[in-house]
Every structure is written in C-alpha cells, then in structure tokens.
Amino acid sequence: MGCPWSPGAVTVWRTTVFLLNIVCTVLAKRHVVYWNSTNSRLIEGDLSVQVDLNDYLDIYCPHYPSLSPSEDASLQPQPENLALYLVAEEGFRGCVKTDVSIKRWECNVPHAPFGPVRFSEKIQRFTPFSLGFEFVPGHHYYYSSLPTGETRSLPCMKLRVTVCCEPAPEESKKQEQEIPAPHSGVSSVWATSISLHLLIPLIHFLYM
C-alpha cells in the first residue's frame, strides 16, 4: 500500500515543476515578426524563419496610435485588419485560403491602447491544448494572411517557418524504440543540467 505524500513533498514537487517551466521558457528563443504591409519581406514572400523545438514565434499585429482630438482622422491610413492562417505550400504560393487552411489568429484591434497585439506560437512536438499546433522537426510550415471586415485590399503577406532539425536515421531508430516523456526531445542537455543546478539547492532548502 503506497504512502500518501506529505504536504512538504507536494510543495517540493510543485516547486520543481514550476521552476522547470521557468527554465525552459528562459532558454527558449523568441522570433519576432511585425505583420503589416510595411514589412516588405512579407510581401515579397522571401521571409523565412528557422526555429527549434520549444522556441516561440511572436507575431505582432498592425497597430496605429490613437489620434488626439486636434488631429485630422483623414490623415491616418486605414487600419489593417486581417486573419492569419497556417496553409499548405500551394496556398502559400497563391496566398489563398483553402479547405485545409487553419486560422491561427485574427488581428482586429488596430488601436489597442497598450500597443500592438501579440500572438505567440510555441514550437512544440506535442501540445496538450486543443487549439495548439504540433510541429515536426525537418518540416516547413507556411503562414499567410487575408484581410477581414471592411479593410481595404491588402497585399499578399506570407512567412515560411522551418523547424530544425530533421533527426538522423540512427536517432530516429532510437526514438522509435523508446517511450518518450511528454516533453522528450525539447530541452537540451545543457538546459537539463542548468535545471538540476537550480533545483537541487532549492529542494535541499525546502527540506531543511
């Protein structure tokens, strides 16, 4: 018969999980893209980002500062409202929505008082969330946008994301023979080492 966990052990376990999440977040890279028609590389279609598992892709929506009462509203350009989709390569080339397109976000608050709205895509192999998306190393993923609402016609804007790196044949065979943990293959050995160095003193302190 198993022994129930003591309150102290539960606290240590929760703290350990919390710190591991913090370490993984700190070590992850954030790749920033400002998604609007002034970004010429989005329009030309040559913007490509290479990411690793556990990185973040940060998309900033079009943003326009609020006008003061003395300013002429007609001098401000029409706000860009748009929806971003994950599309197949065919849809990426033509910048069109198809049956297999997946809407990820909608930029519809161009005058947000706190600045441009940011959407973040976590590049992960497995996701516990129904609205999350799973990425496979060695594959390409394509984002494109379409105007929404009363927004004027916008140029075709698109982005290619490449997830590094395709596993070697020996590594793939080894992974097939192992049962992966929920976050297997995400954190590097260096990250694991740092996590242990941070957690061991804390656990020792909590048990004292």
N, C-alpha and C. Protein backbone atom coordinates (compact mmCIF):
# COMPACT_ATOMS: atom_id res chain seq x y z
N MET A 1 0.85 -1.20 0.00
CA MET A 1 0.00 0.00 0.00
C MET A 1 0.88 1.25 0.00
N GLY A 2 0.67 2.14 -0.93
CA GLY A 2 1.51 3.32 -1.04
C GLY A 2 1.22 4.32 0.06
N CYS A 3 2.26 5.05 0.42
CA CYS A 3 2.11 6.06 1.47
C CYS A 3 1.68 7.38 0.83
N PRO A 4 0.72 8.08 1.44
CA PRO A 4 0.31 9.37 0.89
C PRO A 4 1.44 10.38 1.01
N TRP A 5 1.48 11.29 0.09
CA TRP A 5 2.52 12.32 0.11
C TRP A 5 2.26 13.29 1.25
N SER A 6 3.34 13.71 1.89
CA SER A 6 3.23 14.73 2.93
C SER A 6 3.06 16.09 2.27
N PRO A 7 2.50 17.07 3.00
CA PRO A 7 2.36 18.41 2.42
C PRO A 7 3.68 18.99 1.94
N GLY A 8 4.77 18.69 2.67
CA GLY A 8 6.07 19.20 2.26
C GLY A 8 6.53 18.63 0.94
N ALA A 9 6.29 17.33 0.75
CA ALA A 9 6.70 16.69 -0.51
C ALA A 9 5.90 17.24 -1.68
N VAL A 10 4.61 17.49 -1.46
CA VAL A 10 3.77 18.06 -2.53
C VAL A 10 4.27 19.44 -2.91
N THR A 11 4.65 20.24 -1.91
CA THR A 11 5.17 21.58 -2.17
C THR A 11 6.45 21.53 -2.99
N VAL A 12 7.34 20.61 -2.62
CA VAL A 12 8.60 20.47 -3.35
C VAL A 12 8.34 20.05 -4.79
N TRP A 13 7.41 19.11 -4.99
CA TRP A 13 7.10 18.64 -6.34
C TRP A 13 6.54 19.76 -7.19
N ARG A 14 5.62 20.54 -6.63
CA ARG A 14 5.03 21.65 -7.39
C ARG A 14 6.08 22.70 -7.71
N THR A 15 6.95 22.98 -6.75
CA THR A 15 8.01 23.96 -6.99
C THR A 15 8.96 23.50 -8.07
N THR A 16 9.27 22.21 -8.07
CA THR A 16 10.16 21.65 -9.08
C THR A 16 9.57 21.80 -10.48
N VAL A 17 8.30 21.46 -10.64
CA VAL A 17 7.64 21.58 -11.94
C VAL A 17 7.60 23.04 -12.38
N PHE A 18 7.30 23.93 -11.44
CA PHE A 18 7.23 25.36 -11.74
C PHE A 18 8.57 25.89 -12.23
N LEU A 19 9.65 25.52 -11.53
CA LEU A 19 10.96 26.01 -11.91
C LEU A 19 11.43 25.43 -13.24
N LEU A 20 11.08 24.17 -13.49
CA LEU A 20 11.43 23.58 -14.78
C LEU A 20 10.77 24.34 -15.92
N ASN A 21 9.51 24.73 -15.74
CA ASN A 21 8.81 25.51 -16.77
C ASN A 21 9.48 26.86 -16.98
N ILE A 22 9.92 27.49 -15.88
CA ILE A 22 10.59 28.79 -15.99
C ILE A 22 11.90 28.66 -16.75
N VAL A 23 12.69 27.63 -16.41
CA VAL A 23 13.97 27.43 -17.08
C VAL A 23 13.79 27.21 -18.57
N CYS A 24 12.83 26.37 -18.94
CA CYS A 24 12.58 26.09 -20.36
C CYS A 24 12.15 27.35 -21.10
N THR A 25 11.34 28.19 -20.43
CA THR A 25 10.87 29.43 -21.06
C THR A 25 12.02 30.41 -21.26
N VAL A 26 12.90 30.52 -20.25
CA VAL A 26 14.03 31.45 -20.34
C VAL A 26 14.98 31.04 -21.45
N LEU A 27 15.23 29.74 -21.58
CA LEU A 27 16.18 29.25 -22.58
C LEU A 27 15.63 29.30 -24.00
N ALA A 28 14.32 29.35 -24.16
CA ALA A 28 13.72 29.35 -25.49
C ALA A 28 13.99 30.67 -26.20
N LYS A 29 14.17 30.60 -27.51
CA LYS A 29 14.34 31.80 -28.32
C LYS A 29 12.97 32.32 -28.76
N ARG A 30 12.90 33.63 -28.93
CA ARG A 30 11.67 34.24 -29.42
C ARG A 30 11.98 34.91 -30.76
N HIS A 31 11.24 34.50 -31.78
CA HIS A 31 11.43 35.02 -33.13
C HIS A 31 10.28 35.99 -33.42
N VAL A 32 10.61 37.25 -33.62
CA VAL A 32 9.60 38.32 -33.72
C VAL A 32 9.36 38.69 -35.18
N VAL A 33 8.08 38.78 -35.55
CA VAL A 33 7.69 39.23 -36.89
C VAL A 33 6.59 40.27 -36.74
N TYR A 34 6.80 41.46 -37.32
CA TYR A 34 5.77 42.50 -37.34
C TYR A 34 4.96 42.33 -38.62
N TRP A 35 3.71 41.92 -38.42
CA TRP A 35 2.88 41.53 -39.57
C TRP A 35 2.04 42.71 -40.02
N ASN A 36 2.52 43.44 -41.03
CA ASN A 36 1.75 44.54 -41.63
C ASN A 36 2.33 44.81 -43.01
N SER A 37 1.64 45.63 -43.78
CA SER A 37 2.00 45.83 -45.18
C SER A 37 3.26 46.67 -45.36
N THR A 38 3.81 47.24 -44.28
CA THR A 38 5.07 47.97 -44.41
C THR A 38 6.28 47.03 -44.33
N ASN A 39 6.04 45.78 -43.98
CA ASN A 39 7.12 44.79 -43.94
C ASN A 39 7.29 44.21 -45.34
N SER A 40 8.23 44.77 -46.08
CA SER A 40 8.38 44.40 -47.49
C SER A 40 8.75 42.93 -47.68
N ARG A 41 9.44 42.34 -46.73
CA ARG A 41 9.85 40.94 -46.90
C ARG A 41 8.64 40.00 -46.81
N LEU A 42 7.64 40.38 -46.03
CA LEU A 42 6.41 39.59 -46.00
C LEU A 42 5.71 39.62 -47.35
N ILE A 43 5.71 40.80 -47.97
CA ILE A 43 5.03 40.95 -49.26
C ILE A 43 5.80 40.24 -50.37
N GLU A 44 7.11 40.32 -50.33
CA GLU A 44 7.92 39.68 -51.37
C GLU A 44 7.94 38.16 -51.22
N GLY A 45 7.57 37.66 -50.04
CA GLY A 45 7.50 36.22 -49.83
C GLY A 45 8.83 35.56 -49.56
N ASP A 46 9.87 36.36 -49.26
CA ASP A 46 11.18 35.77 -49.03
C ASP A 46 11.55 35.74 -47.54
N LEU A 47 10.58 36.01 -46.68
CA LEU A 47 10.86 35.98 -45.24
C LEU A 47 10.74 34.55 -44.73
N SER A 48 11.84 34.04 -44.22
CA SER A 48 11.87 32.67 -43.71
C SER A 48 12.53 32.67 -42.34
N VAL A 49 11.97 31.94 -41.41
CA VAL A 49 12.49 31.87 -40.05
C VAL A 49 12.78 30.42 -39.71
N GLN A 50 13.97 30.17 -39.18
CA GLN A 50 14.31 28.82 -38.72
C GLN A 50 14.21 28.77 -37.21
N VAL A 51 13.46 27.82 -36.70
CA VAL A 51 13.21 27.72 -35.26
C VAL A 51 13.61 26.33 -34.77
N ASP A 52 13.77 26.23 -33.47
CA ASP A 52 14.00 24.96 -32.81
C ASP A 52 12.77 24.61 -31.98
N LEU A 53 12.64 23.35 -31.64
CA LEU A 53 11.57 22.96 -30.72
C LEU A 53 11.70 23.74 -29.42
N ASN A 54 10.58 24.15 -28.90
CA ASN A 54 10.47 24.92 -27.66
C ASN A 54 10.70 26.42 -27.85
N ASP A 55 11.01 26.85 -29.09
CA ASP A 55 11.08 28.28 -29.38
C ASP A 55 9.68 28.86 -29.49
N TYR A 56 9.62 30.19 -29.59
CA TYR A 56 8.35 30.89 -29.77
C TYR A 56 8.41 31.75 -31.03
N LEU A 57 7.33 31.76 -31.77
CA LEU A 57 7.16 32.68 -32.88
C LEU A 57 6.17 33.75 -32.44
N ASP A 58 6.65 35.00 -32.33
CA ASP A 58 5.82 36.11 -31.87
C ASP A 58 5.39 36.95 -33.07
N ILE A 59 4.09 37.01 -33.29
CA ILE A 59 3.52 37.80 -34.38
C ILE A 59 2.88 39.06 -33.78
N TYR A 60 3.34 40.23 -34.24
CA TYR A 60 2.76 41.49 -33.79
C TYR A 60 1.81 42.02 -34.86
N CYS A 61 0.58 42.29 -34.46
CA CYS A 61 -0.45 42.76 -35.39
C CYS A 61 -0.20 44.22 -35.79
N PRO A 62 -0.83 44.66 -36.89
CA PRO A 62 -0.76 46.08 -37.25
C PRO A 62 -1.31 46.94 -36.12
N HIS A 63 -0.65 48.07 -35.88
CA HIS A 63 -1.08 48.94 -34.78
C HIS A 63 -0.97 50.40 -35.20
N TYR A 64 -1.95 51.19 -34.75
CA TYR A 64 -2.00 52.61 -35.07
C TYR A 64 -2.31 53.37 -33.79
N PRO A 65 -1.50 54.37 -33.44
CA PRO A 65 -1.77 55.13 -32.22
C PRO A 65 -3.07 55.91 -32.34
N SER A 66 -3.73 56.05 -31.22
CA SER A 66 -4.99 56.81 -31.21
C SER A 66 -4.71 58.28 -31.48
N LEU A 67 -5.60 58.91 -32.22
CA LEU A 67 -5.44 60.32 -32.55
C LEU A 67 -5.95 61.20 -31.42
N SER A 68 -5.31 62.33 -31.27
CA SER A 68 -5.80 63.31 -30.31
C SER A 68 -6.96 64.08 -30.95
N PRO A 69 -7.80 64.74 -30.14
CA PRO A 69 -8.95 65.48 -30.70
C PRO A 69 -8.56 66.52 -31.74
N SER A 70 -7.34 67.05 -31.64
CA SER A 70 -6.93 68.11 -32.56
C SER A 70 -6.39 67.58 -33.89
N GLU A 71 -6.18 66.27 -33.99
CA GLU A 71 -5.61 65.69 -35.21
C GLU A 71 -6.71 65.32 -36.20
N ASP A 72 -6.36 65.40 -37.46
CA ASP A 72 -7.30 65.10 -38.53
C ASP A 72 -7.28 63.59 -38.81
N ALA A 73 -8.43 62.94 -38.59
CA ALA A 73 -8.51 61.49 -38.77
C ALA A 73 -8.28 61.08 -40.23
N SER A 74 -8.57 61.98 -41.16
CA SER A 74 -8.41 61.63 -42.58
C SER A 74 -6.95 61.47 -42.98
N LEU A 75 -6.04 61.99 -42.14
CA LEU A 75 -4.62 61.89 -42.46
C LEU A 75 -4.03 60.55 -42.05
N GLN A 76 -4.76 59.80 -41.26
CA GLN A 76 -4.26 58.50 -40.81
C GLN A 76 -4.65 57.41 -41.81
N PRO A 77 -3.74 56.51 -42.13
CA PRO A 77 -4.08 55.43 -43.07
C PRO A 77 -5.16 54.52 -42.50
N GLN A 78 -5.90 53.89 -43.39
CA GLN A 78 -6.95 52.97 -42.94
C GLN A 78 -6.31 51.79 -42.22
N PRO A 79 -6.82 51.46 -41.04
CA PRO A 79 -6.24 50.35 -40.28
C PRO A 79 -6.32 49.03 -41.04
N GLU A 80 -5.34 48.20 -40.83
CA GLU A 80 -5.30 46.88 -41.46
C GLU A 80 -5.83 45.83 -40.48
N ASN A 81 -6.95 45.23 -40.83
CA ASN A 81 -7.50 44.11 -40.07
C ASN A 81 -7.33 42.85 -40.91
N LEU A 82 -6.81 41.82 -40.30
CA LEU A 82 -6.52 40.62 -41.08
C LEU A 82 -6.56 39.38 -40.21
N ALA A 83 -6.65 38.25 -40.88
CA ALA A 83 -6.61 36.94 -40.21
C ALA A 83 -5.40 36.19 -40.74
N LEU A 84 -4.70 35.52 -39.83
CA LEU A 84 -3.53 34.74 -40.21
C LEU A 84 -3.87 33.27 -40.21
N TYR A 85 -3.38 32.58 -41.23
CA TYR A 85 -3.68 31.16 -41.41
C TYR A 85 -2.39 30.35 -41.55
N LEU A 86 -2.46 29.13 -41.07
CA LEU A 86 -1.47 28.12 -41.43
C LEU A 86 -1.99 27.44 -42.69
N VAL A 87 -1.20 27.44 -43.74
CA VAL A 87 -1.68 26.94 -45.02
C VAL A 87 -0.71 25.90 -45.58
N ALA A 88 -1.19 25.14 -46.55
CA ALA A 88 -0.32 24.22 -47.27
C ALA A 88 0.57 25.03 -48.21
N GLU A 89 1.59 24.38 -48.75
CA GLU A 89 2.53 25.09 -49.62
C GLU A 89 1.83 25.68 -50.84
N GLU A 90 0.81 24.99 -51.36
CA GLU A 90 0.09 25.50 -52.52
C GLU A 90 -0.63 26.80 -52.17
N GLY A 91 -1.27 26.83 -50.99
CA GLY A 91 -1.94 28.04 -50.57
C GLY A 91 -0.97 29.16 -50.28
N PHE A 92 0.22 28.81 -49.84
CA PHE A 92 1.25 29.80 -49.55
C PHE A 92 1.70 30.51 -50.83
N ARG A 93 1.85 29.75 -51.88
CA ARG A 93 2.30 30.35 -53.14
C ARG A 93 1.27 31.32 -53.70
N GLY A 94 0.01 30.99 -53.57
CA GLY A 94 -1.03 31.85 -54.12
C GLY A 94 -1.66 32.78 -53.11
N CYS A 95 -1.30 32.60 -51.83
CA CYS A 95 -1.85 33.41 -50.75
C CYS A 95 -3.38 33.34 -50.76
N VAL A 96 -3.88 32.11 -50.75
CA VAL A 96 -5.33 31.90 -50.76
C VAL A 96 -5.71 30.96 -49.63
N LYS A 97 -6.95 31.08 -49.20
CA LYS A 97 -7.48 30.20 -48.16
C LYS A 97 -8.08 28.96 -48.83
N THR A 98 -7.73 27.79 -48.30
CA THR A 98 -8.27 26.54 -48.82
C THR A 98 -8.96 25.78 -47.70
N ASP A 99 -9.49 24.61 -48.04
CA ASP A 99 -10.20 23.80 -47.04
C ASP A 99 -9.28 23.31 -45.93
N VAL A 100 -7.99 23.21 -46.22
CA VAL A 100 -7.05 22.71 -45.21
C VAL A 100 -6.36 23.84 -44.45
N SER A 101 -6.72 25.09 -44.76
CA SER A 101 -6.13 26.22 -44.03
C SER A 101 -6.65 26.24 -42.59
N ILE A 102 -5.77 26.60 -41.68
CA ILE A 102 -6.13 26.65 -40.26
C ILE A 102 -5.96 28.09 -39.77
N LYS A 103 -7.06 28.69 -39.34
CA LYS A 103 -6.96 30.05 -38.81
C LYS A 103 -6.27 30.01 -37.45
N ARG A 104 -5.20 30.80 -37.31
CA ARG A 104 -4.47 30.84 -36.05
C ARG A 104 -4.88 32.06 -35.22
N TRP A 105 -4.91 33.23 -35.84
CA TRP A 105 -5.24 34.44 -35.09
C TRP A 105 -5.97 35.43 -35.99
N GLU A 106 -6.58 36.40 -35.35
CA GLU A 106 -7.22 37.49 -36.08
C GLU A 106 -6.78 38.81 -35.48
N CYS A 107 -6.21 39.66 -36.30
CA CYS A 107 -5.77 40.99 -35.87
C CYS A 107 -6.90 41.98 -36.14
N ASN A 108 -7.63 42.33 -35.11
CA ASN A 108 -8.79 43.21 -35.28
C ASN A 108 -8.88 44.30 -34.22
N VAL A 109 -7.76 44.59 -33.55
CA VAL A 109 -7.73 45.69 -32.57
C VAL A 109 -6.57 46.61 -32.94
N PRO A 110 -6.68 47.33 -34.06
CA PRO A 110 -5.55 48.13 -34.53
C PRO A 110 -5.21 49.32 -33.65
N HIS A 111 -6.17 49.75 -32.82
CA HIS A 111 -5.94 50.91 -31.95
C HIS A 111 -5.83 50.48 -30.48
N ALA A 112 -5.31 49.31 -30.23
CA ALA A 112 -5.17 48.83 -28.86
C ALA A 112 -4.36 49.84 -28.04
N PRO A 113 -4.85 50.25 -26.87
CA PRO A 113 -4.18 51.30 -26.09
C PRO A 113 -2.82 50.88 -25.54
N PHE A 114 -2.59 49.59 -25.40
CA PHE A 114 -1.34 49.11 -24.79
C PHE A 114 -0.27 48.80 -25.82
N GLY A 115 -0.54 49.06 -27.10
CA GLY A 115 0.44 48.76 -28.14
C GLY A 115 -0.05 47.64 -29.03
N PRO A 116 0.78 47.20 -29.97
CA PRO A 116 0.34 46.16 -30.91
C PRO A 116 0.02 44.85 -30.21
N VAL A 117 -1.06 44.22 -30.65
CA VAL A 117 -1.45 42.92 -30.11
C VAL A 117 -0.43 41.87 -30.57
N ARG A 118 -0.03 41.02 -29.62
CA ARG A 118 0.95 39.98 -29.94
C ARG A 118 0.32 38.61 -29.80
N PHE A 119 0.56 37.76 -30.79
CA PHE A 119 0.17 36.35 -30.70
C PHE A 119 1.45 35.52 -30.71
N SER A 120 1.47 34.49 -29.88
CA SER A 120 2.67 33.66 -29.78
C SER A 120 2.35 32.21 -30.13
N GLU A 121 3.17 31.66 -30.99
CA GLU A 121 3.06 30.25 -31.38
C GLU A 121 4.23 29.51 -30.75
N LYS A 122 3.94 28.57 -29.87
CA LYS A 122 5.01 27.77 -29.28
C LYS A 122 5.33 26.61 -30.22
N ILE A 123 6.60 26.49 -30.57
CA ILE A 123 7.03 25.43 -31.48
C ILE A 123 7.29 24.18 -30.65
N GLN A 124 6.33 23.29 -30.61
CA GLN A 124 6.45 22.09 -29.78
C GLN A 124 6.00 20.87 -30.56
N ARG A 125 6.64 19.75 -30.21
CA ARG A 125 6.32 18.49 -30.90
C ARG A 125 4.96 17.97 -30.50
N PHE A 126 4.61 18.14 -29.24
CA PHE A 126 3.32 17.68 -28.73
C PHE A 126 2.68 18.82 -27.95
N THR A 127 1.37 18.96 -28.05
CA THR A 127 0.67 20.01 -27.32
C THR A 127 -0.50 19.42 -26.55
N PRO A 128 -0.70 19.86 -25.29
CA PRO A 128 -1.84 19.37 -24.51
C PRO A 128 -3.12 20.15 -24.79
N PHE A 129 -3.03 21.18 -25.63
CA PHE A 129 -4.17 22.07 -25.85
C PHE A 129 -4.85 21.77 -27.19
N SER A 130 -6.16 21.84 -27.19
CA SER A 130 -6.91 21.53 -28.41
C SER A 130 -6.66 22.55 -29.51
N LEU A 131 -6.36 23.80 -29.14
CA LEU A 131 -6.12 24.84 -30.13
C LEU A 131 -4.64 24.98 -30.47
N GLY A 132 -3.80 24.17 -29.84
CA GLY A 132 -2.38 24.22 -30.14
C GLY A 132 -2.07 23.50 -31.45
N PHE A 133 -0.85 23.67 -31.90
CA PHE A 133 -0.42 23.03 -33.15
C PHE A 133 0.89 22.31 -32.89
N GLU A 134 1.04 21.14 -33.49
CA GLU A 134 2.23 20.32 -33.27
C GLU A 134 3.15 20.42 -34.49
N PHE A 135 4.44 20.61 -34.21
CA PHE A 135 5.43 20.81 -35.26
C PHE A 135 6.41 19.64 -35.29
N VAL A 136 6.81 19.26 -36.49
CA VAL A 136 7.71 18.12 -36.69
C VAL A 136 9.07 18.63 -37.16
N PRO A 137 10.15 18.24 -36.51
CA PRO A 137 11.49 18.67 -36.95
C PRO A 137 11.75 18.28 -38.40
N GLY A 138 12.41 19.19 -39.13
CA GLY A 138 12.73 18.93 -40.52
C GLY A 138 11.63 19.31 -41.49
N HIS A 139 10.51 19.85 -40.99
CA HIS A 139 9.39 20.21 -41.86
C HIS A 139 9.28 21.73 -42.00
N HIS A 140 8.62 22.14 -43.09
CA HIS A 140 8.35 23.56 -43.33
C HIS A 140 6.87 23.84 -43.04
N TYR A 141 6.60 25.02 -42.51
CA TYR A 141 5.22 25.44 -42.24
C TYR A 141 5.04 26.84 -42.82
N TYR A 142 3.82 27.11 -43.29
CA TYR A 142 3.58 28.33 -44.05
C TYR A 142 2.42 29.12 -43.44
N TYR A 143 2.67 30.42 -43.25
CA TYR A 143 1.65 31.34 -42.75
C TYR A 143 1.34 32.36 -43.85
N SER A 144 0.07 32.71 -43.98
CA SER A 144 -0.32 33.79 -44.87
C SER A 144 -1.53 34.49 -44.26
N SER A 145 -1.84 35.67 -44.77
CA SER A 145 -2.93 36.45 -44.19
C SER A 145 -3.90 36.90 -45.26
N LEU A 146 -5.13 37.14 -44.83
CA LEU A 146 -6.18 37.68 -45.69
C LEU A 146 -6.88 38.80 -44.95
N PRO A 147 -7.29 39.86 -45.65
CA PRO A 147 -7.98 40.97 -44.99
C PRO A 147 -9.34 40.54 -44.47
N THR A 148 -9.79 41.18 -43.41
CA THR A 148 -11.10 40.90 -42.83
C THR A 148 -11.89 42.19 -42.67
N GLY A 149 -13.20 42.05 -42.47
CA GLY A 149 -14.05 43.20 -42.22
C GLY A 149 -14.06 44.16 -43.39
N GLU A 150 -13.99 45.46 -43.06
CA GLU A 150 -14.05 46.49 -44.08
C GLU A 150 -12.66 46.94 -44.53
N THR A 151 -11.67 46.19 -44.17
CA THR A 151 -10.31 46.57 -44.54
C THR A 151 -10.15 46.57 -46.05
N ARG A 152 -9.41 47.54 -46.53
CA ARG A 152 -9.13 47.61 -47.97
C ARG A 152 -8.33 46.38 -48.40
N SER A 153 -8.25 46.19 -49.66
CA SER A 153 -7.49 45.07 -50.19
C SER A 153 -6.03 45.19 -49.76
N LEU A 154 -5.51 44.11 -49.19
CA LEU A 154 -4.13 44.12 -48.71
C LEU A 154 -3.25 43.27 -49.62
N PRO A 155 -1.97 43.60 -49.70
CA PRO A 155 -1.07 42.74 -50.48
C PRO A 155 -0.93 41.38 -49.82
N CYS A 156 -0.53 40.41 -50.60
CA CYS A 156 -0.33 39.06 -50.09
C CYS A 156 0.90 39.06 -49.18
N MET A 157 0.70 38.71 -47.92
CA MET A 157 1.81 38.65 -46.96
C MET A 157 1.96 37.21 -46.49
N LYS A 158 3.20 36.72 -46.47
CA LYS A 158 3.40 35.32 -46.12
C LYS A 158 4.76 35.10 -45.48
N LEU A 159 4.82 34.01 -44.72
CA LEU A 159 6.02 33.67 -43.95
C LEU A 159 6.22 32.16 -43.98
N ARG A 160 7.48 31.74 -44.16
CA ARG A 160 7.81 30.32 -44.07
C ARG A 160 8.60 30.06 -42.80
N VAL A 161 8.20 29.04 -42.06
CA VAL A 161 8.88 28.65 -40.82
C VAL A 161 9.44 27.25 -41.01
N THR A 162 10.73 27.10 -40.75
CA THR A 162 11.39 25.81 -40.85
C THR A 162 11.77 25.34 -39.45
N VAL A 163 11.34 24.15 -39.09
CA VAL A 163 11.66 23.59 -37.78
C VAL A 163 12.92 22.75 -37.90
N CYS A 164 13.92 23.11 -37.14
CA CYS A 164 15.19 22.39 -37.14
C CYS A 164 15.15 21.31 -36.05
N CYS A 165 15.72 20.23 -36.26
CA CYS A 165 16.33 19.75 -37.49
C CYS A 165 15.83 18.33 -37.70
N GLU A 166 15.89 17.87 -38.91
CA GLU A 166 15.44 16.52 -39.19
C GLU A 166 16.37 15.52 -38.52
N PRO A 167 15.85 14.60 -37.70
CA PRO A 167 16.71 13.67 -36.97
C PRO A 167 17.46 12.74 -37.91
N ALA A 168 18.69 12.38 -37.50
CA ALA A 168 19.48 11.43 -38.27
C ALA A 168 18.83 10.06 -38.21
N PRO A 169 19.09 9.19 -39.20
CA PRO A 169 18.47 7.85 -39.21
C PRO A 169 18.71 7.07 -37.92
N GLU A 170 19.93 7.15 -37.37
CA GLU A 170 20.22 6.42 -36.14
C GLU A 170 19.39 6.95 -34.99
N GLU A 171 19.27 8.29 -34.93
CA GLU A 171 18.50 8.91 -33.85
C GLU A 171 17.02 8.57 -33.97
N SER A 172 16.50 8.56 -35.21
CA SER A 172 15.09 8.24 -35.42
C SER A 172 14.80 6.82 -34.97
N LYS A 173 15.71 5.89 -35.28
CA LYS A 173 15.51 4.50 -34.88
C LYS A 173 15.52 4.36 -33.37
N LYS A 174 16.41 5.11 -32.72
CA LYS A 174 16.49 5.06 -31.26
C LYS A 174 15.22 5.61 -30.63
N GLN A 175 14.68 6.72 -31.20
CA GLN A 175 13.47 7.32 -30.66
C GLN A 175 12.28 6.39 -30.80
N GLU A 176 12.24 5.61 -31.88
CA GLU A 176 11.13 4.68 -32.08
C GLU A 176 11.15 3.56 -31.05
N GLN A 177 12.35 3.23 -30.54
CA GLN A 177 12.47 2.15 -29.57
C GLN A 177 12.20 2.62 -28.15
N GLU A 178 12.17 3.93 -27.94
CA GLU A 178 11.95 4.47 -26.61
C GLU A 178 10.54 5.01 -26.49
N ILE A 179 10.05 5.06 -25.26
CA ILE A 179 8.75 5.67 -24.98
C ILE A 179 9.03 7.10 -24.54
N PRO A 180 8.68 8.11 -25.34
CA PRO A 180 9.05 9.48 -25.00
C PRO A 180 8.23 10.02 -23.84
N ALA A 181 8.87 10.86 -23.04
CA ALA A 181 8.17 11.59 -21.99
C ALA A 181 7.39 12.71 -22.66
N PRO A 182 6.44 13.34 -21.94
CA PRO A 182 5.63 14.40 -22.57
C PRO A 182 6.45 15.50 -23.21
N HIS A 183 7.62 15.84 -22.63
CA HIS A 183 8.43 16.91 -23.19
C HIS A 183 9.75 16.37 -23.72
N SER A 184 9.78 15.11 -24.11
CA SER A 184 11.01 14.48 -24.58
C SER A 184 11.52 15.17 -25.83
N GLY A 185 12.84 15.42 -25.86
CA GLY A 185 13.47 16.00 -27.04
C GLY A 185 13.34 17.50 -27.14
N VAL A 186 12.71 18.15 -26.17
CA VAL A 186 12.53 19.59 -26.26
C VAL A 186 13.70 20.32 -25.61
N SER A 187 14.02 19.98 -24.38
CA SER A 187 15.10 20.65 -23.68
C SER A 187 16.43 20.01 -24.04
N SER A 188 17.45 20.81 -24.18
CA SER A 188 18.77 20.30 -24.48
C SER A 188 19.43 19.76 -23.23
N VAL A 189 20.56 19.06 -23.41
CA VAL A 189 21.30 18.56 -22.25
C VAL A 189 21.76 19.71 -21.39
N TRP A 190 22.17 20.81 -22.04
CA TRP A 190 22.60 21.98 -21.29
C TRP A 190 21.48 22.53 -20.44
N ALA A 191 20.28 22.59 -21.00
CA ALA A 191 19.13 23.09 -20.25
C ALA A 191 18.82 22.19 -19.07
N THR A 192 18.91 20.86 -19.26
CA THR A 192 18.65 19.94 -18.17
C THR A 192 19.66 20.11 -17.06
N SER A 193 20.93 20.31 -17.44
CA SER A 193 21.97 20.49 -16.44
C SER A 193 21.73 21.74 -15.63
N ILE A 194 21.35 22.83 -16.31
CA ILE A 194 21.07 24.08 -15.60
C ILE A 194 19.89 23.90 -14.67
N SER A 195 18.87 23.20 -15.14
CA SER A 195 17.69 22.98 -14.31
C SER A 195 18.05 22.27 -13.03
N LEU A 196 18.88 21.23 -13.13
CA LEU A 196 19.25 20.47 -11.93
C LEU A 196 20.07 21.33 -10.98
N HIS A 197 20.97 22.15 -11.51
CA HIS A 197 21.77 23.01 -10.65
C HIS A 197 20.90 24.01 -9.91
N LEU A 198 19.81 24.44 -10.53
CA LEU A 198 18.91 25.39 -9.88
C LEU A 198 18.00 24.70 -8.87
N LEU A 199 17.58 23.49 -9.18
CA LEU A 199 16.57 22.83 -8.37
C LEU A 199 17.14 22.15 -7.14
N ILE A 200 18.33 21.58 -7.24
CA ILE A 200 18.88 20.83 -6.11
C ILE A 200 19.04 21.70 -4.86
N PRO A 201 19.64 22.92 -4.96
CA PRO A 201 19.73 23.75 -3.74
C PRO A 201 18.36 24.13 -3.19
N LEU A 202 17.37 24.38 -4.07
CA LEU A 202 16.05 24.76 -3.59
C LEU A 202 15.39 23.61 -2.85
N ILE A 203 15.48 22.40 -3.41
CA ILE A 203 14.88 21.24 -2.74
C ILE A 203 15.54 21.01 -1.39
N HIS A 204 16.87 21.17 -1.34
CA HIS A 204 17.58 21.00 -0.07
C HIS A 204 17.10 22.02 0.95
N PHE A 205 16.89 23.27 0.47
CA PHE A 205 16.44 24.33 1.37
C PHE A 205 15.04 24.04 1.90
N LEU A 206 14.14 23.55 1.05
CA LEU A 206 12.77 23.30 1.47
C LEU A 206 12.67 22.15 2.46
N TYR A 207 13.58 21.20 2.39
CA TYR A 207 13.54 20.07 3.30
C TYR A 207 14.22 20.37 4.64
N MET A 208 14.98 21.46 4.70
CA MET A 208 15.68 21.79 5.96
C MET A 208 14.70 22.25 7.04
